[in-house]
Amino acid sequence: MTRAYLGLGSNIGDKTARLAAAVEGLAATPGIRVTARSSDYRTPPWGDTDQDWFLNAALGVETSLTPHDLLDACLTVERRLGRVRERRWGPRVIDIDVLSYADAEVSDARLVLPHRYVRERAFVLVPLAEIAPDLVIGGETVLQALDRLDRSGIEPV
């Protein structure tokens, strides 16, 4: 089994229920065992800011899936929960990102690991720091990366 970390977000409908359903869907997937779950955090929209606030969380998992198979499992859970990709950084019923997968470095058309923006987004790092503060991504710990970012508007729920 390999340790990986996932980021979850939602800003449409019952956000709390969507995150819970995503966790349940991932936990029910063969080859994935959820080992840690952060609190939920209310976060301001990022990128395209003309939308509702988000609810974000992070998961630690143990998996026997390859990085690409883990991505496929995340996308399957998203589709089952009604995710439709309409506009980049736009509203979404659920978003599940593979943030890191052990020490794997992947860069292809489908997947970049560690996630290309993980160290630039406080809405990802705040929940991740709750469950994996000493996780090293890109040569620095999650807490070190978070110390450089503005956490304004990010509140635990």
C-alpha atoms as a PDB file:
ATOM      1  CA  MET A   1       0.000   0.000   0.000  1.00  0.00           C
ATOM      2  CA  THR A   2       1.151   3.515  -0.857  1.00  0.00           C
ATOM      3  CA  ARG A   3       0.296   6.693   1.048  1.00  0.00           C
ATOM      4  CA  ALA A   4      -1.362   9.432  -0.972  1.00  0.00           C
ATOM      5  CA  TYR A   5      -3.176  12.665  -0.165  1.00  0.00           C
ATOM      6  CA  LEU A   6      -6.302  14.028  -1.808  1.00  0.00           C
ATOM      7  CA  GLY A   7      -7.924  17.452  -1.780  1.00  0.00           C
ATOM      8  CA  LEU A   8     -11.709  17.804  -1.865  1.00  0.00           C
ATOM      9  CA  GLY A   9     -13.849  20.847  -2.602  1.00  0.00           C
ATOM     10  CA  SER A  10     -17.449  21.790  -3.321  1.00  0.00           C
ATOM     11  CA  ASN A  11     -19.368  25.033  -3.800  1.00  0.00           C
ATOM     12  CA  ILE A  12     -22.739  23.945  -5.207  1.00  0.00           C
ATOM     13  CA  GLY A  13     -25.669  22.620  -3.226  1.00  0.00           C
ATOM     14  CA  ASP A  14     -25.202  20.903   0.140  1.00  0.00           C
ATOM     15  CA  LYS A  15     -21.421  21.198   0.316  1.00  0.00           C
ATOM     16  CA  THR A  16     -21.095  19.242   3.554  1.00  0.00           C
ATOM     17  CA  ALA A  17     -23.106  16.344   2.159  1.00  0.00           C
ATOM     18  CA  ARG A  18     -21.084  16.380  -1.075  1.00  0.00           C
ATOM     19  CA  LEU A  19     -17.766  16.112   0.780  1.00  0.00           C
ATOM     20  CA  ALA A  20     -19.145  13.329   2.985  1.00  0.00           C
ATOM     21  CA  ALA A  21     -20.432  11.456  -0.069  1.00  0.00           C
ATOM     22  CA  ALA A  22     -17.064  11.829  -1.789  1.00  0.00           C
ATOM     23  CA  VAL A  23     -15.269  10.383   1.238  1.00  0.00           C
ATOM     24  CA  GLU A  24     -17.761   7.496   1.366  1.00  0.00           C
ATOM     25  CA  GLY A  25     -17.340   6.865  -2.359  1.00  0.00           C
ATOM     26  CA  LEU A  26     -13.564   6.827  -2.111  1.00  0.00           C
ATOM     27  CA  ALA A  27     -13.628   4.592   0.979  1.00  0.00           C
ATOM     28  CA  ALA A  28     -15.871   2.120  -0.890  1.00  0.00           C
ATOM     29  CA  THR A  29     -13.447   1.931  -3.825  1.00  0.00           C
ATOM     30  CA  PRO A  30     -11.368  -1.266  -3.933  1.00  0.00           C
ATOM     31  CA  GLY A  31      -7.714  -0.450  -3.380  1.00  0.00           C
ATOM     32  CA  ILE A  32      -8.345   2.712  -1.333  1.00  0.00           C
ATOM     33  CA  ARG A  33      -8.379   2.913   2.465  1.00  0.00           C
ATOM     34  CA  VAL A  34      -9.043   6.316   4.027  1.00  0.00           C
ATOM     35  CA  THR A  35      -6.590   6.824   6.898  1.00  0.00           C
ATOM     36  CA  ALA A  36      -7.082  10.500   7.761  1.00  0.00           C
ATOM     37  CA  ARG A  37      -9.682  13.207   7.140  1.00  0.00           C
ATOM     38  CA  SER A  38      -9.292  16.873   7.913  1.00  0.00           C
ATOM     39  CA  SER A  39     -12.009  19.121   9.197  1.00  0.00           C
ATOM     40  CA  ASP A  40     -14.079  20.955   6.619  1.00  0.00           C
ATOM     41  CA  TYR A  41     -12.977  24.533   5.887  1.00  0.00           C
ATOM     42  CA  ARG A  42     -15.041  27.343   4.444  1.00  0.00           C
ATOM     43  CA  THR A  43     -12.854  29.071   1.849  1.00  0.00           C
ATOM     44  CA  PRO A  44     -13.301  31.999  -0.511  1.00  0.00           C
ATOM     45  CA  PRO A  45     -13.475  31.267  -4.251  1.00  0.00           C
ATOM     46  CA  TRP A  46     -10.133  31.227  -6.004  1.00  0.00           C
ATOM     47  CA  GLY A  47      -9.265  31.849  -9.647  1.00  0.00           C
ATOM     48  CA  ASP A  48     -12.725  32.682 -10.930  1.00  0.00           C
ATOM     49  CA  THR A  49     -14.011  34.626  -7.912  1.00  0.00           C
ATOM     50  CA  ASP A  50     -17.526  35.278  -9.271  1.00  0.00           C
ATOM     51  CA  GLN A  51     -19.017  32.251  -7.496  1.00  0.00           C
ATOM     52  CA  ASP A  52     -20.125  30.972  -4.097  1.00  0.00           C
ATOM     53  CA  TRP A  53     -17.701  30.078  -1.279  1.00  0.00           C
ATOM     54  CA  PHE A  54     -16.178  26.598  -1.147  1.00  0.00           C
ATOM     55  CA  LEU A  55     -16.003  23.888   1.431  1.00  0.00           C
ATOM     56  CA  ASN A  56     -12.603  22.170   1.323  1.00  0.00           C
ATOM     57  CA  ALA A  57     -11.049  19.181   3.074  1.00  0.00           C
ATOM     58  CA  ALA A  58      -8.083  16.832   2.736  1.00  0.00           C
ATOM     59  CA  LEU A  59      -7.828  13.050   2.934  1.00  0.00           C
ATOM     60  CA  GLY A  60      -4.947  10.737   3.628  1.00  0.00           C
ATOM     61  CA  VAL A  61      -5.309   7.359   1.952  1.00  0.00           C
ATOM     62  CA  GLU A  62      -3.424   4.104   1.651  1.00  0.00           C
ATOM     63  CA  THR A  63      -3.811   2.694  -1.826  1.00  0.00           C
ATOM     64  CA  SER A  64      -2.761  -0.242  -3.935  1.00  0.00           C
ATOM     65  CA  LEU A  65      -3.764   1.699  -7.062  1.00  0.00           C
ATOM     66  CA  THR A  66      -1.237   3.296  -9.378  1.00  0.00           C
ATOM     67  CA  PRO A  67      -1.248   7.107  -9.500  1.00  0.00           C
ATOM     68  CA  HIS A  68      -3.291   7.093 -12.722  1.00  0.00           C
ATOM     69  CA  ASP A  69      -5.728   4.503 -11.369  1.00  0.00           C
ATOM     70  CA  LEU A  70      -6.165   6.613  -8.225  1.00  0.00           C
ATOM     71  CA  LEU A  71      -6.935   9.612 -10.443  1.00  0.00           C
ATOM     72  CA  ASP A  72      -9.475   7.510 -12.354  1.00  0.00           C
ATOM     73  CA  ALA A  73     -11.107   6.458  -9.077  1.00  0.00           C
ATOM     74  CA  CYS A  74     -11.390  10.118  -8.035  1.00  0.00           C
ATOM     75  CA  LEU A  75     -12.922  11.050 -11.381  1.00  0.00           C
ATOM     76  CA  THR A  76     -15.394   8.175 -11.109  1.00  0.00           C
ATOM     77  CA  VAL A  77     -16.547   9.385  -7.684  1.00  0.00           C
ATOM     78  CA  GLU A  78     -16.858  12.923  -9.069  1.00  0.00           C
ATOM     79  CA  ARG A  79     -19.039  11.720 -11.965  1.00  0.00           C
ATOM     80  CA  ARG A  80     -21.244   9.666  -9.640  1.00  0.00           C
ATOM     81  CA  LEU A  81     -21.830  12.799  -7.566  1.00  0.00           C
ATOM     82  CA  GLY A  82     -22.836  14.806 -10.638  1.00  0.00           C
ATOM     83  CA  ARG A  83     -19.628  16.632 -11.533  1.00  0.00           C
ATOM     84  CA  VAL A  84     -19.752  18.266 -14.955  1.00  0.00           C
ATOM     85  CA  ARG A  85     -16.675  20.164 -16.093  1.00  0.00           C
ATOM     86  CA  GLU A  86     -17.948  23.378 -17.653  1.00  0.00           C
ATOM     87  CA  ARG A  87     -15.395  26.087 -16.973  1.00  0.00           C
ATOM     88  CA  ARG A  88     -11.919  26.136 -15.499  1.00  0.00           C
ATOM     89  CA  TRP A  89     -11.870  27.145 -11.824  1.00  0.00           C
ATOM     90  CA  GLY A  90     -15.650  27.514 -11.972  1.00  0.00           C
ATOM     91  CA  PRO A  91     -18.366  26.240  -9.641  1.00  0.00           C
ATOM     92  CA  ARG A  92     -18.419  22.519  -8.973  1.00  0.00           C
ATOM     93  CA  VAL A  93     -20.549  20.067  -7.042  1.00  0.00           C
ATOM     94  CA  ILE A  94     -17.365  18.178  -6.130  1.00  0.00           C
ATOM     95  CA  ASP A  95     -13.698  18.310  -6.973  1.00  0.00           C
ATOM     96  CA  ILE A  96     -11.225  15.619  -5.928  1.00  0.00           C
ATOM     97  CA  ASP A  97      -7.545  16.213  -6.651  1.00  0.00           C
ATOM     98  CA  VAL A  98      -4.618  13.866  -6.139  1.00  0.00           C
ATOM     99  CA  LEU A  99      -2.203  16.135  -4.264  1.00  0.00           C
ATOM    100  CA  SER A 100       0.665  13.738  -3.683  1.00  0.00           C
ATOM    101  CA  TYR A 101       1.390  10.051  -4.094  1.00  0.00           C
ATOM    102  CA  ALA A 102       4.319   8.901  -1.942  1.00  0.00           C
ATOM    103  CA  ASP A 103       7.433  10.346  -3.568  1.00  0.00           C
ATOM    104  CA  ALA A 104       6.107   9.906  -7.102  1.00  0.00           C
ATOM    105  CA  GLU A 105       6.820  12.522  -9.707  1.00  0.00           C
ATOM    106  CA  VAL A 106       4.477  12.316 -12.682  1.00  0.00           C
ATOM    107  CA  SER A 107       3.999  14.813 -15.472  1.00  0.00           C
ATOM    108  CA  ASP A 108       1.852  13.835 -18.414  1.00  0.00           C
ATOM    109  CA  ALA A 109      -1.295  15.011 -20.165  1.00  0.00           C
ATOM    110  CA  ARG A 110      -3.573  13.496 -17.475  1.00  0.00           C
ATOM    111  CA  LEU A 111      -1.712  13.887 -14.205  1.00  0.00           C
ATOM    112  CA  VAL A 112       0.951  16.019 -12.564  1.00  0.00           C
ATOM    113  CA  LEU A 113       2.347  14.884  -9.211  1.00  0.00           C
ATOM    114  CA  PRO A 114       2.808  16.399  -6.865  1.00  0.00           C
ATOM    115  CA  HIS A 115      -0.174  18.556  -7.853  1.00  0.00           C
ATOM    116  CA  ARG A 116       1.211  21.556  -9.718  1.00  0.00           C
ATOM    117  CA  TYR A 117      -0.507  24.174  -7.517  1.00  0.00           C
ATOM    118  CA  VAL A 118      -0.552  22.467  -4.124  1.00  0.00           C
ATOM    119  CA  ARG A 119       2.110  24.751  -2.588  1.00  0.00           C
ATOM    120  CA  GLU A 120       0.425  27.920  -3.902  1.00  0.00           C
ATOM    121  CA  ARG A 121      -3.089  27.441  -2.520  1.00  0.00           C
ATOM    122  CA  ALA A 122      -3.882  28.038   1.123  1.00  0.00           C
ATOM    123  CA  PHE A 123      -7.333  26.469   0.675  1.00  0.00           C
ATOM    124  CA  VAL A 124      -5.533  23.195  -0.093  1.00  0.00           C
ATOM    125  CA  LEU A 125      -2.721  23.501   2.437  1.00  0.00           C
ATOM    126  CA  VAL A 126      -4.783  24.490   5.490  1.00  0.00           C
ATOM    127  CA  PRO A 127      -6.755  21.206   5.554  1.00  0.00           C
ATOM    128  CA  LEU A 128      -3.696  19.227   4.461  1.00  0.00           C
ATOM    129  CA  ALA A 129      -1.649  20.733   7.307  1.00  0.00           C
ATOM    130  CA  GLU A 130      -4.219  19.399   9.763  1.00  0.00           C
ATOM    131  CA  ILE A 131      -3.557  15.778   8.758  1.00  0.00           C
ATOM    132  CA  ALA A 132      -0.009  15.898   7.328  1.00  0.00           C
ATOM    133  CA  PRO A 133       1.891  18.994   8.537  1.00  0.00           C
ATOM    134  CA  ASP A 134       5.301  17.398   7.977  1.00  0.00           C
ATOM    135  CA  LEU A 135       4.550  15.967   4.536  1.00  0.00           C
ATOM    136  CA  VAL A 136       7.318  17.125   2.195  1.00  0.00           C
ATOM    137  CA  ILE A 137       6.192  18.383  -1.203  1.00  0.00           C
ATOM    138  CA  GLY A 138       8.620  20.073  -3.561  1.00  0.00           C
ATOM    139  CA  GLY A 139      11.401  20.170  -0.973  1.00  0.00           C
ATOM    140  CA  GLU A 140       9.410  21.823   1.826  1.00  0.00           C
ATOM    141  CA  THR A 141       6.874  20.686   4.377  1.00  0.00           C
ATOM    142  CA  VAL A 142       3.220  21.537   4.076  1.00  0.00           C
ATOM    143  CA  LEU A 143       3.591  23.904   7.062  1.00  0.00           C
ATOM    144  CA  GLN A 144       6.579  25.670   5.489  1.00  0.00           C
ATOM    145  CA  ALA A 145       4.656  26.202   2.252  1.00  0.00           C
ATOM    146  CA  LEU A 146       1.602  27.396   4.164  1.00  0.00           C
ATOM    147  CA  ASP A 147       3.637  29.934   6.141  1.00  0.00           C
ATOM    148  CA  ARG A 148       4.235  31.845   2.876  1.00  0.00           C
ATOM    149  CA  LEU A 149       0.545  32.152   1.992  1.00  0.00           C
ATOM    150  CA  ASP A 150      -2.345  34.398   2.953  1.00  0.00           C
ATOM    151  CA  ARG A 151      -4.981  32.381   4.865  1.00  0.00           C
ATOM    152  CA  SER A 152      -7.560  35.171   4.934  1.00  0.00           C
ATOM    153  CA  GLY A 153     -11.129  33.967   4.790  1.00  0.00           C
ATOM    154  CA  ILE A 154     -10.312  30.310   5.508  1.00  0.00           C
ATOM    155  CA  GLU A 155     -12.295  29.139   8.512  1.00  0.00           C
ATOM    156  CA  PRO A 156     -12.959  25.714  10.026  1.00  0.00           C
ATOM    157  CA  VAL A 157     -16.604  24.684   9.939  1.00  0.00           C
END
